Amino acid sequence: MLQSLGVSLKAETLYRAALQHHHHGVSALTTTTGLTETEGRTALDELAELALLKPSAQVDGKLRPVSPDVGLAKLLASAEAQVALQQAKMKQARAETAAITADHQRA
C-alpha cells in the first residue's frame, strides 16, 4: 500500500508492527512480522531514512515510530509535489509540441 510513497513492503510491515507494539525491540518486531533479523534491520534503516522512525526521547539508542498522521503526511506531500512537478513538465512539453506542430504546418 505504501510502495507508491517509496516504502518497501517489508518496511511497511515493520512500521505497522512498530506502531502497534512500540515497546518491542528489533528482535521482537522481527519475530512478530516474520522478517529475519537482517531484513528487520534493513527495514528499520529504511524507515529511519524516510523519517518514519526517530530516536526515543526516553530510552537512549532506541527508535520509536513517528505517528502516521505526521510521517506519512510528509511522504504523501512529497509524492504529491513530485506529481505536480511532472504535470508542469508535461504541460510545458504539450506547449512545445503545439509550437513545433504549428511551425511544421506553416512550412
N, C-alpha and C. Protein backbone atom coordinates (compact mmCIF):
# COMPACT_ATOMS: atom_id res chain seq x y z
N MET A 1 0.82 -1.19 0.00
CA MET A 1 0.00 0.00 0.00
C MET A 1 0.87 1.26 0.00
N LEU A 2 1.94 1.28 0.76
CA LEU A 2 2.78 2.47 0.85
C LEU A 2 3.91 2.49 -0.16
N GLN A 3 3.95 1.49 -1.03
CA GLN A 3 5.03 1.44 -2.02
C GLN A 3 5.02 2.68 -2.91
N SER A 4 3.85 3.22 -3.20
CA SER A 4 3.76 4.42 -4.04
C SER A 4 4.36 5.64 -3.34
N LEU A 5 4.60 5.53 -2.04
CA LEU A 5 5.24 6.60 -1.28
C LEU A 5 6.72 6.31 -1.04
N GLY A 6 7.21 5.22 -1.63
CA GLY A 6 8.62 4.88 -1.50
C GLY A 6 8.96 3.99 -0.32
N VAL A 7 7.95 3.37 0.27
CA VAL A 7 8.16 2.48 1.42
C VAL A 7 8.05 1.04 0.92
N SER A 8 9.10 0.25 1.14
CA SER A 8 9.04 -1.15 0.72
C SER A 8 8.02 -1.91 1.56
N LEU A 9 7.59 -3.04 1.04
CA LEU A 9 6.60 -3.86 1.74
C LEU A 9 7.13 -4.31 3.11
N LYS A 10 8.40 -4.71 3.16
CA LYS A 10 8.97 -5.15 4.44
C LYS A 10 9.04 -4.00 5.44
N ALA A 11 9.41 -2.82 4.97
CA ALA A 11 9.48 -1.66 5.86
C ALA A 11 8.08 -1.28 6.34
N GLU A 12 7.10 -1.35 5.44
CA GLU A 12 5.72 -1.06 5.84
C GLU A 12 5.25 -2.04 6.90
N THR A 13 5.55 -3.31 6.69
CA THR A 13 5.16 -4.35 7.65
C THR A 13 5.76 -4.05 9.02
N LEU A 14 7.04 -3.72 9.02
CA LEU A 14 7.71 -3.43 10.28
C LEU A 14 7.17 -2.14 10.92
N TYR A 15 6.89 -1.13 10.11
CA TYR A 15 6.35 0.14 10.62
C TYR A 15 4.99 -0.10 11.28
N ARG A 16 4.13 -0.86 10.61
CA ARG A 16 2.82 -1.14 11.20
C ARG A 16 2.97 -1.90 12.53
N ALA A 17 3.89 -2.85 12.55
CA ALA A 17 4.13 -3.60 13.79
C ALA A 17 4.67 -2.68 14.88
N ALA A 18 5.59 -1.79 14.52
CA ALA A 18 6.17 -0.86 15.49
C ALA A 18 5.11 0.09 16.04
N LEU A 19 4.16 0.48 15.21
CA LEU A 19 3.07 1.34 15.69
C LEU A 19 2.19 0.62 16.70
N GLN A 20 1.95 -0.66 16.45
CA GLN A 20 1.11 -1.45 17.35
C GLN A 20 1.85 -1.90 18.60
N HIS A 21 3.16 -2.15 18.46
CA HIS A 21 3.96 -2.69 19.57
C HIS A 21 5.18 -1.78 19.79
N HIS A 22 4.94 -0.52 20.07
CA HIS A 22 6.03 0.46 20.15
C HIS A 22 7.05 0.15 21.23
N HIS A 23 6.71 -0.69 22.17
CA HIS A 23 7.63 -1.06 23.24
C HIS A 23 8.56 -2.22 22.84
N HIS A 24 8.29 -2.89 21.71
CA HIS A 24 9.11 -4.02 21.26
C HIS A 24 10.45 -3.54 20.73
N GLY A 25 11.45 -4.36 20.91
CA GLY A 25 12.76 -4.12 20.31
C GLY A 25 12.81 -4.75 18.93
N VAL A 26 13.97 -4.66 18.29
CA VAL A 26 14.15 -5.19 16.93
C VAL A 26 13.84 -6.67 16.88
N SER A 27 14.37 -7.44 17.80
CA SER A 27 14.15 -8.90 17.77
C SER A 27 12.68 -9.25 17.87
N ALA A 28 11.99 -8.61 18.80
CA ALA A 28 10.56 -8.90 18.97
C ALA A 28 9.75 -8.47 17.75
N LEU A 29 10.11 -7.33 17.16
CA LEU A 29 9.39 -6.86 15.98
C LEU A 29 9.61 -7.79 14.79
N THR A 30 10.84 -8.25 14.63
CA THR A 30 11.10 -9.16 13.50
C THR A 30 10.37 -10.48 13.71
N THR A 31 10.30 -10.95 14.93
CA THR A 31 9.56 -12.18 15.23
C THR A 31 8.08 -11.97 14.94
N THR A 32 7.55 -10.84 15.37
CA THR A 32 6.14 -10.51 15.16
C THR A 32 5.79 -10.44 13.68
N THR A 33 6.70 -9.90 12.89
CA THR A 33 6.42 -9.69 11.46
C THR A 33 6.84 -10.86 10.58
N GLY A 34 7.64 -11.77 11.11
CA GLY A 34 8.13 -12.89 10.32
C GLY A 34 9.34 -12.54 9.47
N LEU A 35 9.90 -11.35 9.68
CA LEU A 35 11.11 -10.96 8.96
C LEU A 35 12.33 -11.55 9.65
N THR A 36 13.38 -11.78 8.89
CA THR A 36 14.63 -12.18 9.53
C THR A 36 15.21 -10.95 10.22
N GLU A 37 16.17 -11.15 11.09
CA GLU A 37 16.76 -10.01 11.78
C GLU A 37 17.45 -9.07 10.79
N THR A 38 18.09 -9.64 9.78
CA THR A 38 18.73 -8.82 8.75
C THR A 38 17.69 -8.00 7.99
N GLU A 39 16.59 -8.64 7.60
CA GLU A 39 15.51 -7.92 6.91
C GLU A 39 14.93 -6.83 7.81
N GLY A 40 14.79 -7.17 9.09
CA GLY A 40 14.26 -6.20 10.04
C GLY A 40 15.17 -4.99 10.19
N ARG A 41 16.45 -5.23 10.28
CA ARG A 41 17.40 -4.11 10.42
C ARG A 41 17.44 -3.26 9.14
N THR A 42 17.35 -3.92 8.00
CA THR A 42 17.30 -3.18 6.73
C THR A 42 16.03 -2.33 6.67
N ALA A 43 14.91 -2.91 7.08
CA ALA A 43 13.65 -2.17 7.11
C ALA A 43 13.71 -1.01 8.09
N LEU A 44 14.34 -1.23 9.24
CA LEU A 44 14.50 -0.14 10.22
C LEU A 44 15.33 0.99 9.64
N ASP A 45 16.40 0.65 8.94
CA ASP A 45 17.24 1.67 8.30
C ASP A 45 16.42 2.47 7.29
N GLU A 46 15.62 1.76 6.51
CA GLU A 46 14.77 2.42 5.52
C GLU A 46 13.77 3.36 6.21
N LEU A 47 13.14 2.88 7.26
CA LEU A 47 12.17 3.71 7.98
C LEU A 47 12.82 4.94 8.61
N ALA A 48 14.02 4.77 9.12
CA ALA A 48 14.73 5.92 9.69
C ALA A 48 15.07 6.93 8.59
N GLU A 49 15.49 6.42 7.43
CA GLU A 49 15.83 7.29 6.30
C GLU A 49 14.60 8.06 5.81
N LEU A 50 13.44 7.43 5.88
CA LEU A 50 12.19 8.06 5.46
C LEU A 50 11.56 8.91 6.57
N ALA A 51 12.24 8.99 7.70
CA ALA A 51 11.77 9.75 8.86
C ALA A 51 10.46 9.18 9.43
N LEU A 52 10.29 7.87 9.33
CA LEU A 52 9.15 7.21 9.95
C LEU A 52 9.53 6.60 11.29
N LEU A 53 10.81 6.62 11.60
CA LEU A 53 11.32 6.24 12.92
C LEU A 53 12.23 7.36 13.37
N LYS A 54 12.23 7.61 14.67
CA LYS A 54 13.16 8.60 15.21
C LYS A 54 13.64 8.14 16.58
N PRO A 55 14.76 8.69 17.02
CA PRO A 55 15.28 8.29 18.33
C PRO A 55 14.29 8.58 19.45
N SER A 56 14.20 7.66 20.37
CA SER A 56 13.32 7.83 21.53
C SER A 56 13.89 8.89 22.47
N ALA A 57 13.04 9.73 22.98
CA ALA A 57 13.46 10.73 23.96
C ALA A 57 13.65 10.10 25.34
N GLN A 58 13.00 8.94 25.55
CA GLN A 58 13.05 8.29 26.86
C GLN A 58 14.18 7.28 26.99
N VAL A 59 14.48 6.55 25.94
CA VAL A 59 15.45 5.46 26.03
C VAL A 59 16.56 5.67 25.01
N ASP A 60 17.79 5.83 25.50
CA ASP A 60 18.94 6.01 24.62
C ASP A 60 19.11 4.83 23.68
N GLY A 61 19.37 5.11 22.40
CA GLY A 61 19.64 4.06 21.43
C GLY A 61 18.41 3.35 20.91
N LYS A 62 17.24 3.71 21.37
CA LYS A 62 16.01 3.06 20.90
C LYS A 62 15.29 3.99 19.92
N LEU A 63 14.73 3.37 18.89
CA LEU A 63 13.96 4.13 17.91
C LEU A 63 12.47 3.95 18.20
N ARG A 64 11.71 4.97 17.88
CA ARG A 64 10.26 4.85 18.04
C ARG A 64 9.59 5.29 16.75
N PRO A 65 8.44 4.72 16.43
CA PRO A 65 7.76 5.08 15.19
C PRO A 65 7.17 6.49 15.28
N VAL A 66 7.26 7.20 14.19
CA VAL A 66 6.65 8.52 14.09
C VAL A 66 5.17 8.30 13.77
N SER A 67 4.32 9.09 14.39
CA SER A 67 2.89 8.97 14.17
C SER A 67 2.58 9.04 12.67
N PRO A 68 1.71 8.17 12.18
CA PRO A 68 1.41 8.17 10.74
C PRO A 68 0.82 9.48 10.25
N ASP A 69 0.07 10.17 11.10
CA ASP A 69 -0.51 11.43 10.64
C ASP A 69 0.56 12.50 10.39
N VAL A 70 1.74 12.30 10.93
CA VAL A 70 2.85 13.22 10.68
C VAL A 70 3.78 12.63 9.62
N GLY A 71 4.30 11.44 9.87
CA GLY A 71 5.29 10.83 8.99
C GLY A 71 4.76 10.52 7.60
N LEU A 72 3.60 9.89 7.54
CA LEU A 72 3.05 9.54 6.24
C LEU A 72 2.53 10.77 5.51
N ALA A 73 2.06 11.76 6.26
CA ALA A 73 1.61 13.01 5.62
C ALA A 73 2.78 13.69 4.90
N LYS A 74 3.96 13.65 5.50
CA LYS A 74 5.14 14.24 4.85
C LYS A 74 5.49 13.48 3.57
N LEU A 75 5.45 12.15 3.63
CA LEU A 75 5.75 11.35 2.44
C LEU A 75 4.71 11.61 1.35
N LEU A 76 3.45 11.71 1.74
CA LEU A 76 2.39 11.96 0.78
C LEU A 76 2.56 13.34 0.14
N ALA A 77 2.87 14.34 0.94
CA ALA A 77 3.08 15.70 0.42
C ALA A 77 4.25 15.72 -0.57
N SER A 78 5.31 15.00 -0.25
CA SER A 78 6.45 14.93 -1.15
C SER A 78 6.08 14.26 -2.46
N ALA A 79 5.32 13.16 -2.39
CA ALA A 79 4.89 12.46 -3.60
C ALA A 79 3.97 13.35 -4.44
N GLU A 80 3.09 14.08 -3.78
CA GLU A 80 2.19 14.99 -4.50
C GLU A 80 2.97 16.11 -5.17
N ALA A 81 4.01 16.62 -4.52
CA ALA A 81 4.84 17.66 -5.12
C ALA A 81 5.56 17.12 -6.36
N GLN A 82 6.01 15.88 -6.30
CA GLN A 82 6.66 15.26 -7.46
C GLN A 82 5.68 15.11 -8.62
N VAL A 83 4.45 14.74 -8.31
CA VAL A 83 3.42 14.61 -9.35
C VAL A 83 3.13 15.98 -9.96
N ALA A 84 3.01 17.01 -9.13
CA ALA A 84 2.74 18.36 -9.62
C ALA A 84 3.88 18.84 -10.52
N LEU A 85 5.10 18.55 -10.15
CA LEU A 85 6.25 18.92 -10.98
C LEU A 85 6.20 18.19 -12.32
N GLN A 86 5.89 16.91 -12.28
CA GLN A 86 5.78 16.13 -13.52
C GLN A 86 4.65 16.68 -14.39
N GLN A 87 3.54 17.06 -13.79
CA GLN A 87 2.43 17.63 -14.55
C GLN A 87 2.84 18.96 -15.20
N ALA A 88 3.60 19.78 -14.49
CA ALA A 88 4.08 21.04 -15.05
C ALA A 88 5.01 20.77 -16.23
N LYS A 89 5.86 19.76 -16.12
CA LYS A 89 6.75 19.40 -17.23
C LYS A 89 5.95 18.93 -18.43
N MET A 90 4.90 18.15 -18.20
CA MET A 90 4.06 17.67 -19.29
C MET A 90 3.32 18.83 -19.95
N LYS A 91 2.87 19.79 -19.17
CA LYS A 91 2.20 20.97 -19.72
C LYS A 91 3.16 21.73 -20.63
N GLN A 92 4.41 21.89 -20.19
CA GLN A 92 5.42 22.56 -21.00
C GLN A 92 5.71 21.77 -22.27
N ALA A 93 5.82 20.46 -22.15
CA ALA A 93 6.07 19.62 -23.33
C ALA A 93 4.90 19.71 -24.30
N ARG A 94 3.69 19.77 -23.78
CA ARG A 94 2.50 19.91 -24.64
C ARG A 94 2.56 21.23 -25.42
N ALA A 95 2.94 22.30 -24.73
CA ALA A 95 3.05 23.61 -25.38
C ALA A 95 4.14 23.59 -26.45
N GLU A 96 5.26 22.98 -26.15
CA GLU A 96 6.36 22.88 -27.13
C GLU A 96 5.95 22.04 -28.32
N THR A 97 5.22 20.97 -28.06
CA THR A 97 4.73 20.12 -29.14
C THR A 97 3.78 20.91 -30.05
N ALA A 98 2.90 21.68 -29.45
CA ALA A 98 1.96 22.50 -30.22
C ALA A 98 2.71 23.53 -31.07
N ALA A 99 3.75 24.13 -30.51
CA ALA A 99 4.54 25.12 -31.25
C ALA A 99 5.26 24.47 -32.43
N ILE A 100 5.84 23.31 -32.22
CA ILE A 100 6.53 22.59 -33.30
C ILE A 100 5.53 22.20 -34.39
N THR A 101 4.36 21.72 -33.97
CA THR A 101 3.31 21.34 -34.92
C THR A 101 2.88 22.55 -35.74
N ALA A 102 2.69 23.67 -35.09
CA ALA A 102 2.28 24.89 -35.79
C ALA A 102 3.36 25.33 -36.78
N ASP A 103 4.62 25.28 -36.37
CA ASP A 103 5.71 25.63 -37.28
C ASP A 103 5.71 24.70 -38.48
N HIS A 104 5.51 23.43 -38.26
CA HIS A 104 5.50 22.44 -39.34
C HIS A 104 4.36 22.70 -40.31
N GLN A 105 3.20 23.04 -39.79
CA GLN A 105 2.04 23.27 -40.65
C GLN A 105 2.19 24.55 -41.50
N ARG A 106 2.94 25.52 -40.98
CA ARG A 106 3.19 26.76 -41.72
C ARG A 106 4.22 26.56 -42.82
N ALA A 107 5.06 25.56 -42.67
CA ALA A 107 6.17 25.36 -43.64
C ALA A 107 5.71 24.77 -44.93
